[in-house]
Amino acid sequence: GLPARLIDTVGFGGSGGSGDLPPGFREFAPLVPCGVDVFLYFLKYGQVGAREKEQFEKFVTYAGESVIPHVIIVITHAGEETTRSITNAAFTGSNESLRQ
């Protein structure tokens, strides 16, 4: 395998933060001069709405538009839901924020 750099976006709201720039977010940049391969962005299942969309948009503003292809959204607290049912809900459900 190849080495990879993963950053958990803790503090951007998906994990209970305020959505403001978390302390230390900009400070990690000198530690990864070759860039970050993946940002993990956590959302709680069933709680994706306007607030979460706004927090994600703040994350993109702080990190830059080029971050989007490097983001993996991790859905937590899904219980017995399957990956397929969560993916179907994201792409075909009535939750406009989740579909975007």
PDB file of N, CA and C in Angstrom:
ATOM      1  N   GLY A   1       0.796  -1.172   0.000  1.00  0.00           N
ATOM      2  CA  GLY A   1       0.000   0.000   0.000  1.00  0.00           C
ATOM      3  C   GLY A   1       0.851   1.254   0.000  1.00  0.00           C
ATOM      4  N   LEU A   2       0.203   2.324  -0.291  1.00  0.00           N
ATOM      5  CA  LEU A   2       0.831   3.628  -0.302  1.00  0.00           C
ATOM      6  C   LEU A   2       0.446   4.397   0.946  1.00  0.00           C
ATOM      7  N   PRO A   3       1.346   5.244   1.431  1.00  0.00           N
ATOM      8  CA  PRO A   3       0.989   6.068   2.587  1.00  0.00           C
ATOM      9  C   PRO A   3      -0.114   7.054   2.197  1.00  0.00           C
ATOM     10  N   ALA A   4      -0.990   7.344   3.132  1.00  0.00           N
ATOM     11  CA  ALA A   4      -2.078   8.301   2.905  1.00  0.00           C
ATOM     12  C   ALA A   4      -2.238   9.174   4.138  1.00  0.00           C
ATOM     13  N   ARG A   5      -2.692  10.392   3.920  1.00  0.00           N
ATOM     14  CA  ARG A   5      -2.943  11.326   5.013  1.00  0.00           C
ATOM     15  C   ARG A   5      -4.448  11.529   5.126  1.00  0.00           C
ATOM     16  N   LEU A   6      -5.003  11.180   6.270  1.00  0.00           N
ATOM     17  CA  LEU A   6      -6.428  11.354   6.519  1.00  0.00           C
ATOM     18  C   LEU A   6      -6.604  12.366   7.641  1.00  0.00           C
ATOM     19  N   ILE A   7      -7.546  13.261   7.483  1.00  0.00           N
ATOM     20  CA  ILE A   7      -7.851  14.258   8.504  1.00  0.00           C
ATOM     21  C   ILE A   7      -9.314  14.102   8.892  1.00  0.00           C
ATOM     22  N   ASP A   8      -9.559  13.973  10.188  1.00  0.00           N
ATOM     23  CA  ASP A   8     -10.921  13.953  10.720  1.00  0.00           C
ATOM     24  C   ASP A   8     -11.327  15.405  10.907  1.00  0.00           C
ATOM     25  N   THR A   9     -12.472  15.790  10.375  1.00  0.00           N
ATOM     26  CA  THR A   9     -12.909  17.180  10.438  1.00  0.00           C
ATOM     27  C   THR A   9     -13.629  17.496  11.739  1.00  0.00           C
ATOM     28  N   VAL A  10     -13.212  16.898  12.818  1.00  0.00           N
ATOM     29  CA  VAL A  10     -13.841  17.121  14.116  1.00  0.00           C
ATOM     30  C   VAL A  10     -13.964  18.617  14.386  1.00  0.00           C
ATOM     31  N   GLY A  11     -15.144  18.984  14.889  1.00  0.00           N
ATOM     32  CA  GLY A  11     -15.370  20.372  15.240  1.00  0.00           C
ATOM     33  C   GLY A  11     -16.098  21.187  14.193  1.00  0.00           C
ATOM     34  N   PHE A  12     -16.386  20.604  13.036  1.00  0.00           N
ATOM     35  CA  PHE A  12     -17.107  21.342  12.012  1.00  0.00           C
ATOM     36  C   PHE A  12     -18.604  21.124  12.097  1.00  0.00           C
ATOM     37  N   GLY A  13     -19.087  20.624  13.201  1.00  0.00           N
ATOM     38  CA  GLY A  13     -20.523  20.496  13.374  1.00  0.00           C
ATOM     39  C   GLY A  13     -21.047  19.105  13.157  1.00  0.00           C
ATOM     40  N   GLY A  14     -20.536  18.372  12.185  1.00  0.00           N
ATOM     41  CA  GLY A  14     -20.997  17.017  11.960  1.00  0.00           C
ATOM     42  C   GLY A  14     -20.720  16.145  13.165  1.00  0.00           C
ATOM     43  N   SER A  15     -19.728  16.547  13.957  1.00  0.00           N
ATOM     44  CA  SER A  15     -19.395  15.780  15.158  1.00  0.00           C
ATOM     45  C   SER A  15     -19.685  16.588  16.414  1.00  0.00           C
ATOM     46  N   GLY A  16     -20.639  17.493  16.327  1.00  0.00           N
ATOM     47  CA  GLY A  16     -21.090  18.197  17.510  1.00  0.00           C
ATOM     48  C   GLY A  16     -20.516  19.584  17.710  1.00  0.00           C
ATOM     49  N   GLY A  17     -19.726  20.074  16.775  1.00  0.00           N
ATOM     50  CA  GLY A  17     -19.118  21.391  16.930  1.00  0.00           C
ATOM     51  C   GLY A  17     -20.047  22.509  16.516  1.00  0.00           C
ATOM     52  N   SER A  18     -19.535  23.731  16.589  1.00  0.00           N
ATOM     53  CA  SER A  18     -20.332  24.912  16.304  1.00  0.00           C
ATOM     54  C   SER A  18     -20.365  25.261  14.826  1.00  0.00           C
ATOM     55  N   GLY A  19     -19.459  24.685  14.036  1.00  0.00           N
ATOM     56  CA  GLY A  19     -19.365  25.058  12.635  1.00  0.00           C
ATOM     57  C   GLY A  19     -18.332  26.139  12.408  1.00  0.00           C
ATOM     58  N   ASP A  20     -17.808  26.749  13.481  1.00  0.00           N
ATOM     59  CA  ASP A  20     -16.737  27.718  13.349  1.00  0.00           C
ATOM     60  C   ASP A  20     -15.435  26.983  13.074  1.00  0.00           C
ATOM     61  N   LEU A  21     -14.416  27.732  12.631  1.00  0.00           N
ATOM     62  CA  LEU A  21     -13.124  27.108  12.357  1.00  0.00           C
ATOM     63  C   LEU A  21     -12.576  26.498  13.640  1.00  0.00           C
ATOM     64  N   PRO A  22     -12.421  25.177  13.662  1.00  0.00           N
ATOM     65  CA  PRO A  22     -11.934  24.516  14.875  1.00  0.00           C
ATOM     66  C   PRO A  22     -10.492  24.921  15.192  1.00  0.00           C
ATOM     67  N   PRO A  23     -10.156  25.008  16.475  1.00  0.00           N
ATOM     68  CA  PRO A  23      -8.779  25.307  16.838  1.00  0.00           C
ATOM     69  C   PRO A  23      -7.846  24.265  16.232  1.00  0.00           C
ATOM     70  N   GLY A  24      -6.742  24.724  15.665  1.00  0.00           N
ATOM     71  CA  GLY A  24      -5.757  23.811  15.121  1.00  0.00           C
ATOM     72  C   GLY A  24      -5.978  23.407  13.686  1.00  0.00           C
ATOM     73  N   PHE A  25      -7.129  23.791  13.074  1.00  0.00           N
ATOM     74  CA  PHE A  25      -7.394  23.343  11.709  1.00  0.00           C
ATOM     75  C   PHE A  25      -6.324  23.848  10.739  1.00  0.00           C
ATOM     76  N   ARG A  26      -6.007  25.114  10.804  1.00  0.00           N
ATOM     77  CA  ARG A  26      -4.994  25.664   9.901  1.00  0.00           C
ATOM     78  C   ARG A  26      -3.580  25.248  10.308  1.00  0.00           C
ATOM     79  N   GLU A  27      -3.371  24.947  11.574  1.00  0.00           N
ATOM     80  CA  GLU A  27      -2.040  24.612  12.051  1.00  0.00           C
ATOM     81  C   GLU A  27      -1.531  23.272  11.536  1.00  0.00           C
ATOM     82  N   PHE A  28      -2.428  22.385  11.083  1.00  0.00           N
ATOM     83  CA  PHE A  28      -1.955  21.087  10.613  1.00  0.00           C
ATOM     84  C   PHE A  28      -1.335  21.187   9.221  1.00  0.00           C
ATOM     85  N   ALA A  29      -1.608  22.246   8.463  1.00  0.00           N
ATOM     86  CA  ALA A  29      -1.118  22.366   7.088  1.00  0.00           C
ATOM     87  C   ALA A  29       0.398  22.205   6.966  1.00  0.00           C
ATOM     88  N   PRO A  30       1.223  22.837   7.829  1.00  0.00           N
ATOM     89  CA  PRO A  30       2.667  22.638   7.692  1.00  0.00           C
ATOM     90  C   PRO A  30       3.103  21.188   7.943  1.00  0.00           C
ATOM     91  N   LEU A  31       2.259  20.414   8.613  1.00  0.00           N
ATOM     92  CA  LEU A  31       2.601  19.023   8.901  1.00  0.00           C
ATOM     93  C   LEU A  31       2.374  18.106   7.701  1.00  0.00           C
ATOM     94  N   VAL A  32       1.655  18.605   6.701  1.00  0.00           N
ATOM     95  CA  VAL A  32       1.354  17.802   5.511  1.00  0.00           C
ATOM     96  C   VAL A  32       1.687  18.606   4.244  1.00  0.00           C
ATOM     97  N   PRO A  33       2.963  18.888   4.026  1.00  0.00           N
ATOM     98  CA  PRO A  33       3.329  19.734   2.883  1.00  0.00           C
ATOM     99  C   PRO A  33       2.937  19.146   1.527  1.00  0.00           C
ATOM    100  N   CYS A  34       2.738  17.851   1.458  1.00  0.00           N
ATOM    101  CA  CYS A  34       2.320  17.223   0.193  1.00  0.00           C
ATOM    102  C   CYS A  34       0.800  17.186   0.054  1.00  0.00           C
ATOM    103  N   GLY A  35       0.093  17.728   1.030  1.00  0.00           N
ATOM    104  CA  GLY A  35      -1.363  17.764   0.973  1.00  0.00           C
ATOM    105  C   GLY A  35      -2.017  16.627   1.723  1.00  0.00           C
ATOM    106  N   VAL A  36      -3.331  16.700   1.796  1.00  0.00           N
ATOM    107  CA  VAL A  36      -4.143  15.699   2.478  1.00  0.00           C
ATOM    108  C   VAL A  36      -4.849  14.865   1.419  1.00  0.00           C
ATOM    109  N   ASP A  37      -4.817  13.560   1.592  1.00  0.00           N
ATOM    110  CA  ASP A  37      -5.465  12.672   0.628  1.00  0.00           C
ATOM    111  C   ASP A  37      -6.964  12.570   0.867  1.00  0.00           C
ATOM    112  N   VAL A  38      -7.373  12.527   2.132  1.00  0.00           N
ATOM    113  CA  VAL A  38      -8.782  12.317   2.471  1.00  0.00           C
ATOM    114  C   VAL A  38      -9.144  13.122   3.708  1.00  0.00           C
ATOM    115  N   PHE A  39     -10.290  13.776   3.655  1.00  0.00           N
ATOM    116  CA  PHE A  39     -10.898  14.405   4.828  1.00  0.00           C
ATOM    117  C   PHE A  39     -12.119  13.572   5.184  1.00  0.00           C
ATOM    118  N   LEU A  40     -12.229  13.141   6.426  1.00  0.00           N
ATOM    119  CA  LEU A  40     -13.402  12.404   6.893  1.00  0.00           C
ATOM    120  C   LEU A  40     -14.375  13.406   7.492  1.00  0.00           C
ATOM    121  N   TYR A  41     -15.584  13.468   6.970  1.00  0.00           N
ATOM    122  CA  TYR A  41     -16.604  14.400   7.438  1.00  0.00           C
ATOM    123  C   TYR A  41     -17.767  13.581   7.976  1.00  0.00           C
ATOM    124  N   PHE A  42     -18.021  13.703   9.282  1.00  0.00           N
ATOM    125  CA  PHE A  42     -19.007  12.865   9.966  1.00  0.00           C
ATOM    126  C   PHE A  42     -20.357  13.554  10.063  1.00  0.00           C
ATOM    127  N   LEU A  43     -21.409  12.799   9.753  1.00  0.00           N
ATOM    128  CA  LEU A  43     -22.783  13.252   9.910  1.00  0.00           C
ATOM    129  C   LEU A  43     -23.562  12.177  10.648  1.00  0.00           C
ATOM    130  N   LYS A  44     -24.453  12.613  11.521  1.00  0.00           N
ATOM    131  CA  LYS A  44     -25.294  11.672  12.257  1.00  0.00           C
ATOM    132  C   LYS A  44     -26.512  11.319  11.401  1.00  0.00           C
ATOM    133  N   TYR A  45     -26.755  10.033  11.236  1.00  0.00           N
ATOM    134  CA  TYR A  45     -27.871   9.553  10.425  1.00  0.00           C
ATOM    135  C   TYR A  45     -29.184  10.173  10.902  1.00  0.00           C
ATOM    136  N   GLY A  46     -29.977  10.640   9.964  1.00  0.00           N
ATOM    137  CA  GLY A  46     -31.279  11.201  10.290  1.00  0.00           C
ATOM    138  C   GLY A  46     -31.239  12.662  10.676  1.00  0.00           C
ATOM    139  N   GLN A  47     -30.051  13.252  10.734  1.00  0.00           N
ATOM    140  CA  GLN A  47     -29.942  14.655  11.133  1.00  0.00           C
ATOM    141  C   GLN A  47     -29.165  15.455  10.094  1.00  0.00           C
ATOM    142  N   VAL A  48     -29.623  15.379   8.864  1.00  0.00           N
ATOM    143  CA  VAL A  48     -28.983  16.135   7.803  1.00  0.00           C
ATOM    144  C   VAL A  48     -30.010  17.140   7.288  1.00  0.00           C
ATOM    145  N   GLY A  49     -29.756  18.385   7.592  1.00  0.00           N
ATOM    146  CA  GLY A  49     -30.668  19.438   7.177  1.00  0.00           C
ATOM    147  C   GLY A  49     -29.908  20.704   6.848  1.00  0.00           C
ATOM    148  N   ALA A  50     -30.611  21.832   6.936  1.00  0.00           N
ATOM    149  CA  ALA A  50     -30.025  23.120   6.564  1.00  0.00           C
ATOM    150  C   ALA A  50     -28.796  23.450   7.413  1.00  0.00           C
ATOM    151  N   ARG A  51     -28.849  23.149   8.709  1.00  0.00           N
ATOM    152  CA  ARG A  51     -27.719  23.442   9.606  1.00  0.00           C
ATOM    153  C   ARG A  51     -26.471  22.665   9.177  1.00  0.00           C
ATOM    154  N   GLU A  52     -26.636  21.391   8.896  1.00  0.00           N
ATOM    155  CA  GLU A  52     -25.508  20.547   8.499  1.00  0.00           C
ATOM    156  C   GLU A  52     -24.959  20.973   7.130  1.00  0.00           C
ATOM    157  N   LYS A  53     -25.867  21.366   6.229  1.00  0.00           N
ATOM    158  CA  LYS A  53     -25.428  21.850   4.921  1.00  0.00           C
ATOM    159  C   LYS A  53     -24.596  23.119   5.096  1.00  0.00           C
ATOM    160  N   GLU A  54     -25.051  24.027   5.937  1.00  0.00           N
ATOM    161  CA  GLU A  54     -24.315  25.269   6.198  1.00  0.00           C
ATOM    162  C   GLU A  54     -22.935  24.978   6.795  1.00  0.00           C
ATOM    163  N   GLN A  55     -22.867  24.027   7.717  1.00  0.00           N
ATOM    164  CA  GLN A  55     -21.586  23.669   8.324  1.00  0.00           C
ATOM    165  C   GLN A  55     -20.631  23.061   7.301  1.00  0.00           C
ATOM    166  N   PHE A  56     -21.154  22.227   6.399  1.00  0.00           N
ATOM    167  CA  PHE A  56     -20.308  21.657   5.365  1.00  0.00           C
ATOM    168  C   PHE A  56     -19.810  22.758   4.437  1.00  0.00           C
ATOM    169  N   GLU A  57     -20.677  23.705   4.094  1.00  0.00           N
ATOM    170  CA  GLU A  57     -20.269  24.817   3.243  1.00  0.00           C
ATOM    171  C   GLU A  57     -19.168  25.648   3.915  1.00  0.00           C
ATOM    172  N   LYS A  58     -19.244  25.817   5.242  1.00  0.00           N
ATOM    173  CA  LYS A  58     -18.180  26.524   5.972  1.00  0.00           C
ATOM    174  C   LYS A  58     -16.869  25.742   5.883  1.00  0.00           C
ATOM    175  N   PHE A  59     -16.954  24.433   6.023  1.00  0.00           N
ATOM    176  CA  PHE A  59     -15.763  23.602   5.896  1.00  0.00           C
ATOM    177  C   PHE A  59     -15.125  23.810   4.526  1.00  0.00           C
ATOM    178  N   VAL A  60     -15.940  23.782   3.461  1.00  0.00           N
ATOM    179  CA  VAL A  60     -15.425  23.966   2.105  1.00  0.00           C
ATOM    180  C   VAL A  60     -14.837  25.370   1.958  1.00  0.00           C
ATOM    181  N   THR A  61     -15.464  26.359   2.556  1.00  0.00           N
ATOM    182  CA  THR A  61     -14.924  27.717   2.512  1.00  0.00           C
ATOM    183  C   THR A  61     -13.550  27.769   3.164  1.00  0.00           C
ATOM    184  N   TYR A  62     -13.400  27.144   4.322  1.00  0.00           N
ATOM    185  CA  TYR A  62     -12.118  27.150   5.036  1.00  0.00           C
ATOM    186  C   TYR A  62     -11.054  26.351   4.288  1.00  0.00           C
ATOM    187  N   ALA A  63     -11.447  25.218   3.729  1.00  0.00           N
ATOM    188  CA  ALA A  63     -10.470  24.318   3.110  1.00  0.00           C
ATOM    189  C   ALA A  63     -10.259  24.604   1.626  1.00  0.00           C
ATOM    190  N   GLY A  64     -11.230  25.245   0.990  1.00  0.00           N
ATOM    191  CA  GLY A  64     -11.144  25.522  -0.440  1.00  0.00           C
ATOM    192  C   GLY A  64     -11.963  24.527  -1.247  1.00  0.00           C
ATOM    193  N   GLU A  65     -12.483  24.995  -2.376  1.00  0.00           N
ATOM    194  CA  GLU A  65     -13.327  24.155  -3.240  1.00  0.00           C
ATOM    195  C   GLU A  65     -12.629  22.867  -3.677  1.00  0.00           C
ATOM    196  N   SER A  66     -11.304  22.917  -3.789  1.00  0.00           N
ATOM    197  CA  SER A  66     -10.572  21.739  -4.271  1.00  0.00           C
ATOM    198  C   SER A  66     -10.626  20.578  -3.283  1.00  0.00           C
ATOM    199  N   VAL A  67     -11.146  20.816  -2.077  1.00  0.00           N
ATOM    200  CA  VAL A  67     -11.226  19.763  -1.066  1.00  0.00           C
ATOM    201  C   VAL A  67     -12.338  18.752  -1.382  1.00  0.00           C
ATOM    202  N   ILE A  68     -13.357  19.158  -2.112  1.00  0.00           N
ATOM    203  CA  ILE A  68     -14.553  18.331  -2.289  1.00  0.00           C
ATOM    204  C   ILE A  68     -14.250  16.918  -2.803  1.00  0.00           C
ATOM    205  N   PRO A  69     -13.399  16.723  -3.812  1.00  0.00           N
ATOM    206  CA  PRO A  69     -13.138  15.343  -4.257  1.00  0.00           C
ATOM    207  C   PRO A  69     -12.390  14.498  -3.224  1.00  0.00           C
ATOM    208  N   HIS A  70     -11.888  15.131  -2.187  1.00  0.00           N
ATOM    209  CA  HIS A  70     -11.111  14.421  -1.165  1.00  0.00           C
ATOM    210  C   HIS A  70     -11.916  14.144   0.104  1.00  0.00           C
ATOM    211  N   VAL A  71     -13.203  14.442   0.084  1.00  0.00           N
ATOM    212  CA  VAL A  71     -14.051  14.275   1.267  1.00  0.00           C
ATOM    213  C   VAL A  71     -14.788  12.945   1.203  1.00  0.00           C
ATOM    214  N   ILE A  72     -14.725  12.221   2.307  1.00  0.00           N
ATOM    215  CA  ILE A  72     -15.552  11.028   2.486  1.00  0.00           C
ATOM    216  C   ILE A  72     -16.527  11.353   3.603  1.00  0.00           C
ATOM    217  N   ILE A  73     -17.810  11.269   3.306  1.00  0.00           N
ATOM    218  CA  ILE A  73     -18.825  11.518   4.329  1.00  0.00           C
ATOM    219  C   ILE A  73     -19.093  10.206   5.048  1.00  0.00           C
ATOM    220  N   VAL A  74     -18.950  10.248   6.356  1.00  0.00           N
ATOM    221  CA  VAL A  74     -19.155   9.072   7.206  1.00  0.00           C
ATOM    222  C   VAL A  74     -20.469   9.276   7.953  1.00  0.00           C
ATOM    223  N   ILE A  75     -21.417   8.361   7.762  1.00  0.00           N
ATOM    224  CA  ILE A  75     -22.705   8.433   8.449  1.00  0.00           C
ATOM    225  C   ILE A  75     -22.621   7.584   9.713  1.00  0.00           C
ATOM    226  N   THR A  76     -22.886   8.219  10.856  1.00  0.00           N
ATOM    227  CA  THR A  76     -22.838   7.510  12.136  1.00  0.00           C
ATOM    228  C   THR A  76     -24.259   7.268  12.656  1.00  0.00           C
ATOM    229  N   HIS A  77     -24.391   6.401  13.638  1.00  0.00           N
ATOM    230  CA  HIS A  77     -25.653   6.106  14.318  1.00  0.00           C
ATOM    231  C   HIS A  77     -26.722   5.593  13.355  1.00  0.00           C
ATOM    232  N   ALA A  78     -26.311   4.803  12.362  1.00  0.00           N
ATOM    233  CA  ALA A  78     -27.263   4.318  11.362  1.00  0.00           C
ATOM    234  C   ALA A  78     -28.001   3.062  11.805  1.00  0.00           C
ATOM    235  N   GLY A  79     -27.594   2.478  12.923  1.00  0.00           N
ATOM    236  CA  GLY A  79     -28.295   1.302  13.420  1.00  0.00           C
ATOM    237  C   GLY A  79     -28.268   0.159  12.429  1.00  0.00           C
ATOM    238  N   GLU A  80     -29.428  -0.364  12.089  1.00  0.00           N
ATOM    239  CA  GLU A  80     -29.538  -1.519  11.201  1.00  0.00           C
ATOM    240  C   GLU A  80     -29.585  -1.133   9.727  1.00  0.00           C
ATOM    241  N   GLU A  81     -29.521   0.154   9.437  1.00  0.00           N
ATOM    242  CA  GLU A  81     -29.556   0.590   8.037  1.00  0.00           C
ATOM    243  C   GLU A  81     -28.362   0.018   7.285  1.00  0.00           C
ATOM    244  N   THR A  82     -28.562  -0.250   6.011  1.00  0.00           N
ATOM    245  CA  THR A  82     -27.480  -0.772   5.192  1.00  0.00           C
ATOM    246  C   THR A  82     -26.868   0.366   4.374  1.00  0.00           C
ATOM    247  N   THR A  83     -25.679   0.129   3.884  1.00  0.00           N
ATOM    248  CA  THR A  83     -25.031   1.118   3.027  1.00  0.00           C
ATOM    249  C   THR A  83     -25.927   1.432   1.834  1.00  0.00           C
ATOM    250  N   ARG A  84     -26.529   0.401   1.270  1.00  0.00           N
ATOM    251  CA  ARG A  84     -27.396   0.598   0.095  1.00  0.00           C
ATOM    252  C   ARG A  84     -28.596   1.478   0.450  1.00  0.00           C
ATOM    253  N   SER A  85     -29.236   1.249   1.588  1.00  0.00           N
ATOM    254  CA  SER A  85     -30.422   2.048   1.922  1.00  0.00           C
ATOM    255  C   SER A  85     -30.036   3.494   2.227  1.00  0.00           C
ATOM    256  N   ILE A  86     -28.876   3.711   2.834  1.00  0.00           N
ATOM    257  CA  ILE A  86     -28.412   5.072   3.112  1.00  0.00           C
ATOM    258  C   ILE A  86     -28.078   5.788   1.803  1.00  0.00           C
ATOM    259  N   THR A  87     -27.409   5.092   0.898  1.00  0.00           N
ATOM    260  CA  THR A  87     -27.063   5.677  -0.402  1.00  0.00           C
ATOM    261  C   THR A  87     -28.324   6.004  -1.190  1.00  0.00           C
ATOM    262  N   ASN A  88     -29.302   5.096  -1.183  1.00  0.00           N
ATOM    263  CA  ASN A  88     -30.573   5.360  -1.872  1.00  0.00           C
ATOM    264  C   ASN A  88     -31.259   6.583  -1.291  1.00  0.00           C
ATOM    265  N   ALA A  89     -31.263   6.713   0.027  1.00  0.00           N
ATOM    266  CA  ALA A  89     -31.884   7.870   0.670  1.00  0.00           C
ATOM    267  C   ALA A  89     -31.170   9.159   0.261  1.00  0.00           C
ATOM    268  N   ALA A  90     -29.857   9.101   0.148  1.00  0.00           N
ATOM    269  CA  ALA A  90     -29.080  10.288  -0.214  1.00  0.00           C
ATOM    270  C   ALA A  90     -29.399  10.760  -1.626  1.00  0.00           C
ATOM    271  N   PHE A  91     -29.596   9.809  -2.540  1.00  0.00           N
ATOM    272  CA  PHE A  91     -29.782  10.187  -3.932  1.00  0.00           C
ATOM    273  C   PHE A  91     -31.236  10.258  -4.388  1.00  0.00           C
ATOM    274  N   THR A  92     -32.156   9.622  -3.667  1.00  0.00           N
ATOM    275  CA  THR A  92     -33.540   9.604  -4.124  1.00  0.00           C
ATOM    276  C   THR A  92     -34.526  10.116  -3.086  1.00  0.00           C
ATOM    277  N   GLY A  93     -34.062  10.381  -1.878  1.00  0.00           N
ATOM    278  CA  GLY A  93     -34.965  10.810  -0.815  1.00  0.00           C
ATOM    279  C   GLY A  93     -35.438  12.246  -0.976  1.00  0.00           C
ATOM    280  N   SER A  94     -36.283  12.651  -0.077  1.00  0.00           N
ATOM    281  CA  SER A  94     -36.852  13.996  -0.138  1.00  0.00           C
ATOM    282  C   SER A  94     -35.991  15.028   0.578  1.00  0.00           C
ATOM    283  N   ASN A  95     -34.900  14.613   1.220  1.00  0.00           N
ATOM    284  CA  ASN A  95     -34.045  15.546   1.931  1.00  0.00           C
ATOM    285  C   ASN A  95     -33.112  16.245   0.940  1.00  0.00           C
ATOM    286  N   GLU A  96     -33.464  17.470   0.559  1.00  0.00           N
ATOM    287  CA  GLU A  96     -32.711  18.225  -0.433  1.00  0.00           C
ATOM    288  C   GLU A  96     -31.270  18.472   0.006  1.00  0.00           C
ATOM    289  N   SER A  97     -31.049  18.759   1.285  1.00  0.00           N
ATOM    290  CA  SER A  97     -29.688  19.022   1.776  1.00  0.00           C
ATOM    291  C   SER A  97     -28.798  17.793   1.630  1.00  0.00           C
ATOM    292  N   LEU A  98     -29.343  16.622   1.926  1.00  0.00           N
ATOM    293  CA  LEU A  98     -28.558  15.392   1.813  1.00  0.00           C
ATOM    294  C   LEU A  98     -28.243  15.086   0.349  1.00  0.00           C
ATOM    295  N   ARG A  99     -29.221  15.295  -0.534  1.00  0.00           N
ATOM    296  CA  ARG A  99     -28.970  15.026  -1.948  1.00  0.00           C
ATOM    297  C   ARG A  99     -27.883  15.933  -2.524  1.00  0.00           C
ATOM    298  N   GLN A 100     -27.826  17.167  -2.070  1.00  0.00           N
ATOM    299  CA  GLN A 100     -26.811  18.094  -2.568  1.00  0.00           C
ATOM    300  C   GLN A 100     -25.460  17.678  -2.074  1.00  0.00           C
TER     301      GLN A 100
END
